[in-house]
C-alpha atoms as a PDB file:
ATOM      1  CA  MET A   1      86.051  99.952  67.857  1.00  0.00           C
ATOM      2  CA  ILE A   2      89.173  97.892  69.821  1.00  0.00           C
ATOM      3  CA  PRO A   3      87.779  95.939  72.498  1.00  0.00           C
ATOM      4  CA  ALA A   4      90.775  96.047  74.088  1.00  0.00           C
ATOM      5  CA  VAL A   5      94.244  97.928  74.651  1.00  0.00           C
ATOM      6  CA  PHE A   6      96.731  96.303  77.207  1.00  0.00           C
ATOM      7  CA  ILE A   7      98.844  98.172  78.529  1.00  0.00           C
ATOM      8  CA  LEU A   8     102.522  96.881  79.367  1.00  0.00           C
ATOM      9  CA  ASN A   9     105.275  98.347  81.040  1.00  0.00           C
ATOM     10  CA  PRO A  10     108.230  96.220  80.141  1.00  0.00           C
ATOM     11  CA  ALA A  11     110.372  97.381  83.272  1.00  0.00           C
ATOM     12  CA  ALA A  12     107.690  96.186  85.778  1.00  0.00           C
ATOM     13  CA  GLY A  13     109.233  93.692  87.916  1.00  0.00           C
ATOM     14  CA  HIS A  14     112.486  94.619  87.259  1.00  0.00           C
ATOM     15  CA  GLY A  15     112.043  93.353  83.576  1.00  0.00           C
ATOM     16  CA  ARG A  16     109.783  90.129  84.817  1.00  0.00           C
ATOM     17  CA  ALA A  17     106.718  91.957  83.412  1.00  0.00           C
ATOM     18  CA  ALA A  18     106.759  91.193  79.530  1.00  0.00           C
ATOM     19  CA  GLY A  19     107.235  87.496  80.656  1.00  0.00           C
ATOM     20  CA  VAL A  20     103.676  88.097  82.046  1.00  0.00           C
ATOM     21  CA  TRP A  21     102.550  89.031  78.752  1.00  0.00           C
ATOM     22  CA  GLU A  22     104.576  86.301  77.085  1.00  0.00           C
ATOM     23  CA  ALA A  23     102.586  83.375  79.125  1.00  0.00           C
ATOM     24  CA  CYS A  24      99.538  85.161  78.991  1.00  0.00           C
ATOM     25  CA  ARG A  25      99.454  86.609  75.860  1.00  0.00           C
ATOM     26  CA  ASP A  26      97.276  83.663  74.059  1.00  0.00           C
ATOM     27  CA  ALA A  27      94.734  83.621  76.720  1.00  0.00           C
ATOM     28  CA  ALA A  28      94.601  87.132  76.372  1.00  0.00           C
ATOM     29  CA  LEU A  29      93.820  87.652  72.578  1.00  0.00           C
ATOM     30  CA  ARG A  30      91.492  84.059  72.219  1.00  0.00           C
ATOM     31  CA  ALA A  31      88.996  85.647  74.476  1.00  0.00           C
ATOM     32  CA  LEU A  32      89.319  88.767  73.653  1.00  0.00           C
ATOM     33  CA  PRO A  33      89.777  88.970  69.744  1.00  0.00           C
ATOM     34  CA  GLY A  34      91.122  91.798  68.431  1.00  0.00           C
ATOM     35  CA  ALA A  35      93.070  93.404  71.443  1.00  0.00           C
ATOM     36  CA  VAL A  36      96.257  95.109  70.728  1.00  0.00           C
ATOM     37  CA  CYS A  37      99.019  95.295  73.230  1.00  0.00           C
ATOM     38  CA  LEU A  38     101.053  98.740  74.153  1.00  0.00           C
ATOM     39  CA  ARG A  39     104.543  98.965  74.897  1.00  0.00           C
ATOM     40  CA  THR A  40     105.504 101.371  77.538  1.00  0.00           C
ATOM     41  CA  GLU A  41     108.405 103.588  76.575  1.00  0.00           C
ATOM     42  CA  ARG A  42     110.020 106.222  79.744  1.00  0.00           C
ATOM     43  CA  ARG A  43     107.446 107.472  82.930  1.00  0.00           C
ATOM     44  CA  GLY A  44     104.453 108.599  82.392  1.00  0.00           C
ATOM     45  CA  HIS A  45     103.782 107.207  79.097  1.00  0.00           C
ATOM     46  CA  ALA A  46     100.867 104.694  79.997  1.00  0.00           C
ATOM     47  CA  ALA A  47      98.721 107.329  80.447  1.00  0.00           C
ATOM     48  CA  GLN A  48      99.235 109.177  77.137  1.00  0.00           C
ATOM     49  CA  LEU A  49      98.560 105.282  75.733  1.00  0.00           C
ATOM     50  CA  ALA A  50      95.033 105.161  78.051  1.00  0.00           C
ATOM     51  CA  ARG A  51      93.932 108.977  76.812  1.00  0.00           C
ATOM     52  CA  LYS A  52      94.607 107.504  73.348  1.00  0.00           C
ATOM     53  CA  ALA A  53      93.078 104.577  73.424  1.00  0.00           C
ATOM     54  CA  LEU A  54      89.756 105.509  74.972  1.00  0.00           C
ATOM     55  CA  GLU A  55      89.922 108.054  71.679  1.00  0.00           C
ATOM     56  CA  ASP A  56      90.064 105.198  69.426  1.00  0.00           C
ATOM     57  CA  GLY A  57      87.786 103.761  70.751  1.00  0.00           C
ATOM     58  CA  ALA A  58      88.489 101.295  72.995  1.00  0.00           C
ATOM     59  CA  ARG A  59      86.870 100.412  76.214  1.00  0.00           C
ATOM     60  CA  ARG A  60      88.643  97.696  78.103  1.00  0.00           C
ATOM     61  CA  LEU A  61      91.924  99.290  79.547  1.00  0.00           C
ATOM     62  CA  VAL A  62      94.901  96.357  80.990  1.00  0.00           C
ATOM     63  CA  ALA A  63      97.769  97.548  82.738  1.00  0.00           C
ATOM     64  CA  VAL A  64     100.017  95.458  82.306  1.00  0.00           C
ATOM     65  CA  GLY A  65     102.624  95.112  85.001  1.00  0.00           C
ATOM     66  CA  GLY A  66     102.294  96.820  89.003  1.00  0.00           C
ATOM     67  CA  ASP A  67     100.246  99.665  90.983  1.00  0.00           C
ATOM     68  CA  GLY A  68     102.223 102.016  89.742  1.00  0.00           C
ATOM     69  CA  THR A  69     101.723 100.954  85.309  1.00  0.00           C
ATOM     70  CA  PHE A  70      97.975 101.141  86.370  1.00  0.00           C
ATOM     71  CA  GLY A  71      98.128 104.521  88.309  1.00  0.00           C
ATOM     72  CA  GLU A  72      99.494 106.037  85.106  1.00  0.00           C
ATOM     73  CA  MET A  73      97.127 104.174  83.153  1.00  0.00           C
ATOM     74  CA  LEU A  74      94.257 105.933  85.562  1.00  0.00           C
ATOM     75  CA  GLU A  75      95.899 109.284  84.627  1.00  0.00           C
ATOM     76  CA  GLY A  76      95.774 109.073  81.336  1.00  0.00           C
ATOM     77  CA  VAL A  77      92.183 108.058  81.845  1.00  0.00           C
ATOM     78  CA  MET A  78      90.699 110.851  84.363  1.00  0.00           C
ATOM     79  CA  GLY A  79      92.797 113.143  81.823  1.00  0.00           C
ATOM     80  CA  ALA A  80      90.155 111.827  78.612  1.00  0.00           C
ATOM     81  CA  ALA A  81      86.513 113.875  78.505  1.00  0.00           C
ATOM     82  CA  PRO A  82      83.798 112.247  81.295  1.00  0.00           C
ATOM     83  CA  GLU A  83      81.671 110.858  78.620  1.00  0.00           C
ATOM     84  CA  LEU A  84      84.447 108.388  77.646  1.00  0.00           C
ATOM     85  CA  ARG A  85      85.476 107.679  81.181  1.00  0.00           C
ATOM     86  CA  ARG A  86      82.414 106.375  81.792  1.00  0.00           C
ATOM     87  CA  ALA A  87      82.702 104.292  78.859  1.00  0.00           C
ATOM     88  CA  ALA A  88      85.445 102.131  79.783  1.00  0.00           C
ATOM     89  CA  ALA A  89      86.475  99.810  82.346  1.00  0.00           C
ATOM     90  CA  LEU A  90      89.775  99.679  83.752  1.00  0.00           C
ATOM     91  CA  ALA A  91      91.900  96.264  84.834  1.00  0.00           C
ATOM     92  CA  ALA A  92      95.197  94.768  86.123  1.00  0.00           C
ATOM     93  CA  LEU A  93      97.196  92.115  84.915  1.00  0.00           C
ATOM     94  CA  PRO A  94      99.231  92.134  87.763  1.00  0.00           C
ATOM     95  CA  ALA A  95     103.351  91.725  86.564  1.00  0.00           C
ATOM     96  CA  GLY A  96     104.674  94.142  88.663  1.00  0.00           C
ATOM     97  CA  SER A  97     106.485  94.181  92.525  1.00  0.00           C
ATOM     98  CA  GLY A  98     102.848  94.754  94.775  1.00  0.00           C
ATOM     99  CA  CYS A  99     100.393  94.587  92.539  1.00  0.00           C
ATOM    100  CA  ASP A 100      97.745  95.795  96.165  1.00  0.00           C
ATOM    101  CA  LEU A 101      94.821  96.555  93.512  1.00  0.00           C
ATOM    102  CA  ALA A 102      94.520  92.932  91.853  1.00  0.00           C
ATOM    103  CA  ARG A 103      95.539  91.148  95.826  1.00  0.00           C
ATOM    104  CA  HIS A 104      92.894  93.627  96.826  1.00  0.00           C
ATOM    105  CA  LEU A 105      89.768  92.858  93.590  1.00  0.00           C
ATOM    106  CA  ASN A 106      90.803  89.028  94.208  1.00  0.00           C
ATOM    107  CA  TYR A 107      91.637  88.983  90.904  1.00  0.00           C
ATOM    108  CA  PRO A 108      92.703  85.100  89.394  1.00  0.00           C
ATOM    109  CA  ARG A 109      96.108  84.420  89.117  1.00  0.00           C
ATOM    110  CA  GLY A 110      95.527  82.016  86.046  1.00  0.00           C
ATOM    111  CA  ALA A 111      96.200  83.605  82.922  1.00  0.00           C
ATOM    112  CA  ALA A 112      92.980  81.782  81.392  1.00  0.00           C
ATOM    113  CA  GLU A 113      91.102  82.902  84.401  1.00  0.00           C
ATOM    114  CA  LEU A 114      92.299  86.980  84.329  1.00  0.00           C
ATOM    115  CA  ALA A 115      91.553  86.800  80.433  1.00  0.00           C
ATOM    116  CA  GLY A 116      87.922  85.536  80.727  1.00  0.00           C
ATOM    117  CA  LEU A 117      87.400  87.843  84.299  1.00  0.00           C
ATOM    118  CA  ILE A 118      89.103  91.239  81.802  1.00  0.00           C
ATOM    119  CA  ALA A 119      86.719  89.979  78.563  1.00  0.00           C
ATOM    120  CA  SER A 120      83.663  88.916  80.417  1.00  0.00           C
ATOM    121  CA  GLY A 121      83.698  90.026  84.714  1.00  0.00           C
ATOM    122  CA  ARG A 122      81.526  92.779  85.597  1.00  0.00           C
ATOM    123  CA  SER A 123      82.547  96.776  86.233  1.00  0.00           C
ATOM    124  CA  ARG A 124      80.981  98.300  88.662  1.00  0.00           C
ATOM    125  CA  ALA A 125      81.878 102.268  89.159  1.00  0.00           C
ATOM    126  CA  VAL A 126      84.641 103.227  92.239  1.00  0.00           C
ATOM    127  CA  ASP A 127      85.602 105.649  93.933  1.00  0.00           C
ATOM    128  CA  VAL A 128      89.072 107.712  93.064  1.00  0.00           C
ATOM    129  CA  GLY A 129      91.867 109.605  95.178  1.00  0.00           C
ATOM    130  CA  ARG A 130      92.504 112.997  94.240  1.00  0.00           C
ATOM    131  CA  ILE A 131      95.952 114.846  95.630  1.00  0.00           C
ATOM    132  CA  ASP A 132      96.993 118.161  95.338  1.00  0.00           C
ATOM    133  CA  TYR A 133     100.832 118.380  96.582  1.00  0.00           C
ATOM    134  CA  ALA A 134     104.337 119.940  96.839  1.00  0.00           C
ATOM    135  CA  GLY A 135     107.308 118.246  94.128  1.00  0.00           C
ATOM    136  CA  LEU A 136     109.766 117.360  96.209  1.00  0.00           C
ATOM    137  CA  ASP A 137     111.260 121.114  94.420  1.00  0.00           C
ATOM    138  CA  GLY A 138     108.158 123.038  95.846  1.00  0.00           C
ATOM    139  CA  THR A 139     106.373 122.414  92.640  1.00  0.00           C
ATOM    140  CA  PRO A 140     102.449 122.214  93.043  1.00  0.00           C
ATOM    141  CA  LEU A 141     101.147 118.968  91.171  1.00  0.00           C
ATOM    142  CA  ARG A 142      98.471 117.029  90.767  1.00  0.00           C
ATOM    143  CA  ARG A 143      97.557 113.223  90.516  1.00  0.00           C
ATOM    144  CA  HIS A 144      94.898 110.941  91.119  1.00  0.00           C
ATOM    145  CA  PHE A 145      95.350 107.165  93.131  1.00  0.00           C
ATOM    146  CA  ILE A 146      93.161 103.756  93.156  1.00  0.00           C
ATOM    147  CA  ASN A 147      94.969 102.604  96.279  1.00  0.00           C
ATOM    148  CA  MET A 148      96.165 104.717  98.855  1.00  0.00           C
ATOM    149  CA  ALA A 149      97.940 108.103 100.068  1.00  0.00           C
ATOM    150  CA  SER A 150     101.000 108.203 103.207  1.00  0.00           C
ATOM    151  CA  PHE A 151     102.596 109.633 104.315  1.00  0.00           C
ATOM    152  CA  GLY A 152     106.340 110.069 107.049  1.00  0.00           C
ATOM    153  CA  LEU A 153     107.198 106.143 107.098  1.00  0.00           C
ATOM    154  CA  ALA A 154     105.550 105.326 104.389  1.00  0.00           C
ATOM    155  CA  GLY A 155     106.979 107.494 101.881  1.00  0.00           C
ATOM    156  CA  ASP A 156     110.558 107.386 103.187  1.00  0.00           C
ATOM    157  CA  VAL A 157     110.133 104.033 102.893  1.00  0.00           C
ATOM    158  CA  ALA A 158     109.152 104.789  99.207  1.00  0.00           C
ATOM    159  CA  HIS A 159     112.358 107.078  98.724  1.00  0.00           C
ATOM    160  CA  HIS A 160     114.483 104.102 100.002  1.00  0.00           C
ATOM    161  CA  ILE A 161     112.868 102.111  97.691  1.00  0.00           C
ATOM    162  CA  HIS A 162     113.108 104.608  94.791  1.00  0.00           C
ATOM    163  CA  ARG A 163     116.785 105.042  95.079  1.00  0.00           C
ATOM    164  CA  MET A 164     117.666 101.425  96.384  1.00  0.00           C
ATOM    165  CA  GLY A 165     115.301  99.573  93.931  1.00  0.00           C
ATOM    166  CA  LYS A 166     113.203  96.458  94.606  1.00  0.00           C
ATOM    167  CA  PHE A 167     116.096  93.702  94.258  1.00  0.00           C
ATOM    168  CA  LEU A 168     114.817  91.770  96.425  1.00  0.00           C
ATOM    169  CA  GLY A 169     111.382  91.786  94.810  1.00  0.00           C
ATOM    170  CA  GLY A 170     108.384  93.678  96.161  1.00  0.00           C
ATOM    171  CA  THR A 171     106.751  92.657  99.229  1.00  0.00           C
ATOM    172  CA  LEU A 172     110.205  91.314 100.334  1.00  0.00           C
ATOM    173  CA  SER A 173     112.142  94.501  99.688  1.00  0.00           C
ATOM    174  CA  TYR A 174     109.095  97.047 101.488  1.00  0.00           C
ATOM    175  CA  ALA A 175     109.768  94.957 104.510  1.00  0.00           C
ATOM    176  CA  VAL A 176     113.497  95.184 104.306  1.00  0.00           C
ATOM    177  CA  SER A 177     113.308  98.820 104.071  1.00  0.00           C
ATOM    178  CA  SER A 178     110.301  99.744 106.129  1.00  0.00           C
ATOM    179  CA  GLY A 179     112.877  97.256 108.785  1.00  0.00           C
ATOM    180  CA  TRP A 180     115.253 100.409 107.763  1.00  0.00           C
ATOM    181  CA  ILE A 181     113.191 103.144 108.344  1.00  0.00           C
ATOM    182  CA  LEU A 182     112.458 102.056 111.523  1.00  0.00           C
ATOM    183  CA  LEU A 183     115.910 101.908 112.671  1.00  0.00           C
ATOM    184  CA  THR A 184     116.045 106.350 112.965  1.00  0.00           C
ATOM    185  CA  ALA A 185     112.321 107.019 112.503  1.00  0.00           C
ATOM    186  CA  ARG A 186     110.753 108.889 114.781  1.00  0.00           C
ATOM    187  CA  ALA A 187     107.509 110.856 114.975  1.00  0.00           C
ATOM    188  CA  LYS A 188     107.235 114.137 112.823  1.00  0.00           C
ATOM    189  CA  PRO A 189     104.338 117.066 113.781  1.00  0.00           C
ATOM    190  CA  LEU A 190     101.791 117.656 111.591  1.00  0.00           C
ATOM    191  CA  ARG A 191      98.698 119.814 111.392  1.00  0.00           C
ATOM    192  CA  LEU A 192      95.951 116.933 110.362  1.00  0.00           C
ATOM    193  CA  GLU A 193      92.188 118.758 108.981  1.00  0.00           C
ATOM    194  CA  ALA A 194      90.039 115.808 108.028  1.00  0.00           C
ATOM    195  CA  ASP A 195      86.629 116.683 107.106  1.00  0.00           C
ATOM    196  CA  GLY A 196      87.015 119.765 108.788  1.00  0.00           C
ATOM    197  CA  ALA A 197      87.975 118.214 112.152  1.00  0.00           C
ATOM    198  CA  ALA A 198      91.467 119.566 113.106  1.00  0.00           C
ATOM    199  CA  LEU A 199      93.490 116.794 114.079  1.00  0.00           C
ATOM    200  CA  PRO A 200      97.327 118.041 115.065  1.00  0.00           C
ATOM    201  CA  GLY A 201     100.164 115.973 116.532  1.00  0.00           C
ATOM    202  CA  ARG A 202     103.021 114.109 116.101  1.00  0.00           C
ATOM    203  CA  TYR A 203     102.374 111.046 114.486  1.00  0.00           C
ATOM    204  CA  TYR A 204     104.622 108.355 112.359  1.00  0.00           C
ATOM    205  CA  LEU A 205     102.335 107.130 109.637  1.00  0.00           C
ATOM    206  CA  GLY A 206      99.191 108.952 108.093  1.00  0.00           C
ATOM    207  CA  VAL A 207      97.792 106.468 105.753  1.00  0.00           C
ATOM    208  CA  VAL A 208      94.567 107.814 102.933  1.00  0.00           C
ATOM    209  CA  ALA A 209      92.950 104.500 101.960  1.00  0.00           C
ATOM    210  CA  ASN A 210      90.611 103.938  99.232  1.00  0.00           C
ATOM    211  CA  THR A 211      91.418  99.724  99.546  1.00  0.00           C
ATOM    212  CA  SER A 212      92.794  97.136 102.241  1.00  0.00           C
ATOM    213  CA  SER A 213      96.777  97.057 101.394  1.00  0.00           C
ATOM    214  CA  ILE A 214     100.199  98.265 100.640  1.00  0.00           C
ATOM    215  CA  GLY A 215     103.844  97.233  99.813  1.00  0.00           C
ATOM    216  CA  GLY A 216     102.947  94.457  98.421  1.00  0.00           C
ATOM    217  CA  GLY A 217     100.169  92.756 100.867  1.00  0.00           C
ATOM    218  CA  MET A 218     100.918  95.073 103.991  1.00  0.00           C
ATOM    219  CA  LEU A 219      96.747  95.065 105.678  1.00  0.00           C
ATOM    220  CA  VAL A 220      96.886  99.122 106.819  1.00  0.00           C
ATOM    221  CA  ALA A 221      93.244  99.210 106.269  1.00  0.00           C
ATOM    222  CA  PRO A 222      91.698  95.803 106.237  1.00  0.00           C
ATOM    223  CA  GLY A 223      88.102  97.495 106.020  1.00  0.00           C
ATOM    224  CA  ALA A 224      88.904  99.537 103.861  1.00  0.00           C
ATOM    225  CA  GLU A 225      86.229  99.261 100.263  1.00  0.00           C
ATOM    226  CA  GLU A 226      87.384 100.419  96.808  1.00  0.00           C
ATOM    227  CA  ASN A 227      83.359 101.837  96.375  1.00  0.00           C
ATOM    228  CA  ASP A 228      82.108 103.517  99.456  1.00  0.00           C
ATOM    229  CA  GLY A 229      82.676 107.185  98.978  1.00  0.00           C
ATOM    230  CA  LYS A 230      84.689 107.445 102.055  1.00  0.00           C
ATOM    231  CA  PHE A 231      89.299 106.880 102.150  1.00  0.00           C
ATOM    232  CA  ASP A 232      90.118 104.746 104.943  1.00  0.00           C
ATOM    233  CA  LEU A 233      92.139 107.435 107.206  1.00  0.00           C
ATOM    234  CA  VAL A 234      94.555 105.481 109.509  1.00  0.00           C
ATOM    235  CA  LEU A 235      97.108 107.338 111.711  1.00  0.00           C
ATOM    236  CA  VAL A 236     100.252 105.931 113.625  1.00  0.00           C
ATOM    237  CA  SER A 237     100.815 108.030 117.038  1.00  0.00           C
ATOM    238  CA  ASP A 238     103.750 109.050 118.928  1.00  0.00           C
ATOM    239  CA  MET A 239     104.936 105.698 120.454  1.00  0.00           C
ATOM    240  CA  SER A 240     108.269 104.817 121.664  1.00  0.00           C
ATOM    241  CA  ARG A 241     110.352 102.933 118.908  1.00  0.00           C
ATOM    242  CA  LEU A 242     110.282  99.547 120.860  1.00  0.00           C
ATOM    243  CA  LYS A 243     106.193  99.811 120.448  1.00  0.00           C
ATOM    244  CA  LEU A 244     106.794 100.772 117.087  1.00  0.00           C
ATOM    245  CA  TRP A 245     109.127  97.398 116.228  1.00  0.00           C
ATOM    246  CA  LYS A 246     106.097  94.962 118.476  1.00  0.00           C
ATOM    247  CA  ASN A 247     103.134  96.291 115.766  1.00  0.00           C
ATOM    248  CA  PHE A 248     105.068  96.252 112.605  1.00  0.00           C
ATOM    249  CA  PRO A 249     104.318  92.352 111.487  1.00  0.00           C
ATOM    250  CA  ARG A 250     100.558  92.815 112.970  1.00  0.00           C
ATOM    251  CA  LEU A 251     100.532  95.101 109.582  1.00  0.00           C
ATOM    252  CA  TYR A 252     100.268  91.569 107.725  1.00  0.00           C
ATOM    253  CA  ARG A 253      97.962  90.281 109.391  1.00  0.00           C
ATOM    254  CA  GLY A 254      95.714  93.556 109.491  1.00  0.00           C
ATOM    255  CA  THR A 255      95.574  93.511 112.918  1.00  0.00           C
ATOM    256  CA  HIS A 256      97.686  96.895 114.169  1.00  0.00           C
ATOM    257  CA  LEU A 257      94.180  98.935 114.283  1.00  0.00           C
ATOM    258  CA  ARG A 258      93.566  97.226 117.762  1.00  0.00           C
ATOM    259  CA  GLU A 259      96.544  99.013 119.226  1.00  0.00           C
ATOM    260  CA  PRO A 260      96.444 101.990 121.179  1.00  0.00           C
ATOM    261  CA  GLY A 261      98.087 105.093 118.951  1.00  0.00           C
ATOM    262  CA  ILE A 262      96.838 103.962 115.842  1.00  0.00           C
ATOM    263  CA  THR A 263      93.391 104.742 115.097  1.00  0.00           C
ATOM    264  CA  LEU A 264      91.254 104.946 111.867  1.00  0.00           C
ATOM    265  CA  ARG A 265      88.346 107.207 111.146  1.00  0.00           C
ATOM    266  CA  ARG A 266      86.742 107.643 107.963  1.00  0.00           C
ATOM    267  CA  ILE A 267      86.719 110.717 105.951  1.00  0.00           C
ATOM    268  CA  SER A 268      86.508 112.367 102.097  1.00  0.00           C
ATOM    269  CA  ARG A 269      88.947 114.209 102.569  1.00  0.00           C
ATOM    270  CA  LEU A 270      91.952 114.888 104.195  1.00  0.00           C
ATOM    271  CA  ARG A 271      94.557 118.053 104.091  1.00  0.00           C
ATOM    272  CA  ALA A 272      98.121 117.555 105.540  1.00  0.00           C
ATOM    273  CA  GLU A 273     100.700 119.757 106.416  1.00  0.00           C
ATOM    274  CA  SER A 274     104.512 119.791 108.486  1.00  0.00           C
ATOM    275  CA  ASP A 275     107.399 121.997 109.144  1.00  0.00           C
ATOM    276  CA  GLU A 276     109.492 119.364 108.400  1.00  0.00           C
ATOM    277  CA  THR A 277     109.787 117.554 105.193  1.00  0.00           C
ATOM    278  CA  VAL A 278     107.779 114.461 104.837  1.00  0.00           C
ATOM    279  CA  TYR A 279     107.774 112.132 101.994  1.00  0.00           C
ATOM    280  CA  LEU A 280     105.092 110.860 100.247  1.00  0.00           C
ATOM    281  CA  ASN A 281     104.053 107.529  99.024  1.00  0.00           C
ATOM    282  CA  ILE A 282     101.249 107.684  96.019  1.00  0.00           C
ATOM    283  CA  ASP A 283     100.073 103.832  95.418  1.00  0.00           C
ATOM    284  CA  GLY A 284     103.270 102.494  95.789  1.00  0.00           C
ATOM    285  CA  GLU A 285     105.567 105.140  94.240  1.00  0.00           C
ATOM    286  CA  ALA A 286     108.025 107.570  95.918  1.00  0.00           C
ATOM    287  CA  ASP A 287     106.183 110.950  94.348  1.00  0.00           C
ATOM    288  CA  GLY A 288     106.846 114.680  96.642  1.00  0.00           C
ATOM    289  CA  ARG A 289     106.435 115.929 100.308  1.00  0.00           C
ATOM    290  CA  LEU A 290     103.273 118.036 102.577  1.00  0.00           C
ATOM    291  CA  PRO A 291     102.076 119.917 101.976  1.00  0.00           C
ATOM    292  CA  ALA A 292      98.558 118.178 100.028  1.00  0.00           C
ATOM    293  CA  VAL A 293      94.751 118.205 100.062  1.00  0.00           C
ATOM    294  CA  ILE A 294      93.953 114.309  99.123  1.00  0.00           C
ATOM    295  CA  GLU A 295      89.354 114.293  98.085  1.00  0.00           C
ATOM    296  CA  MET A 296      87.631 111.364  97.092  1.00  0.00           C
ATOM    297  CA  LEU A 297      86.503 111.398  93.861  1.00  0.00           C
ATOM    298  CA  PRO A 298      82.954 109.410  94.361  1.00  0.00           C
ATOM    299  CA  GLY A 299      82.631 106.141  91.571  1.00  0.00           C
ATOM    300  CA  ALA A 300      84.752 107.887  89.229  1.00  0.00           C
ATOM    301  CA  VAL A 301      85.779 105.128  86.873  1.00  0.00           C
ATOM    302  CA  ASN A 302      84.804 101.875  86.134  1.00  0.00           C
ATOM    303  CA  VAL A 303      86.755  99.219  87.446  1.00  0.00           C
ATOM    304  CA  ILE A 304      85.687  95.433  86.380  1.00  0.00           C
ATOM    305  CA  CYS A 305      85.754  93.702  89.600  1.00  0.00           C
END
């Protein structure tokens, strides 16, 4: 049985992930003798590698990259047989642009400490989000997420970054793209239904959060817990652009929830629709648009914490 499989996305972090793995490899292999590293070759490959690794007996899967790499690995795990999924523990070796999951879980930064955590740290069941949504061409799609699914401004930012690239690194690229999008942002009419309650209105942003941060450290949902069986739904209603600009820096401090027009409620299911094009951001990735149905899958996977 393979003790652990590291799934490396060499393109993550503008190519930084390969160097991070080289720096951590010796510590990782000392902590987990017999572990192997598999490199992704294309988009979606991490899902295929993860599923095959589980079927071959691996019981620890580690994404070497950013949240996107972890998300692909998660997709492979969720597609495996339930008994294999329940027997596995997932972890992240942060080497991408955002790495919000590792930040939320307070993973250590040192190679030896992180390798030790992956090798001997306890795992616990954490929640997973499932989202059914429309692709850019209208094709029905489904995927899973561990951090957040968002729409509105966050979707616009993700699509802007997808076009422009993260040439300034994760956190700064998200901040610059967000500032640029805010210059022309407008609230869009949305039809929302949260656990059966209708919440129609004009919104700039909706975030369905399973963990606390997005975009390399924006504390959108500072109180979110990954294992409480509920999402934190954060909504930013229509307001003046000046007020929107004033509230933007508060995202990094997690103090925006005190402001009028920004609300938080805890939910397990959300339906979101609009007659306008509203883009999605799923774990930091530009992926599709509304309509979408987002549901909570409590304790669906085990994560080393």
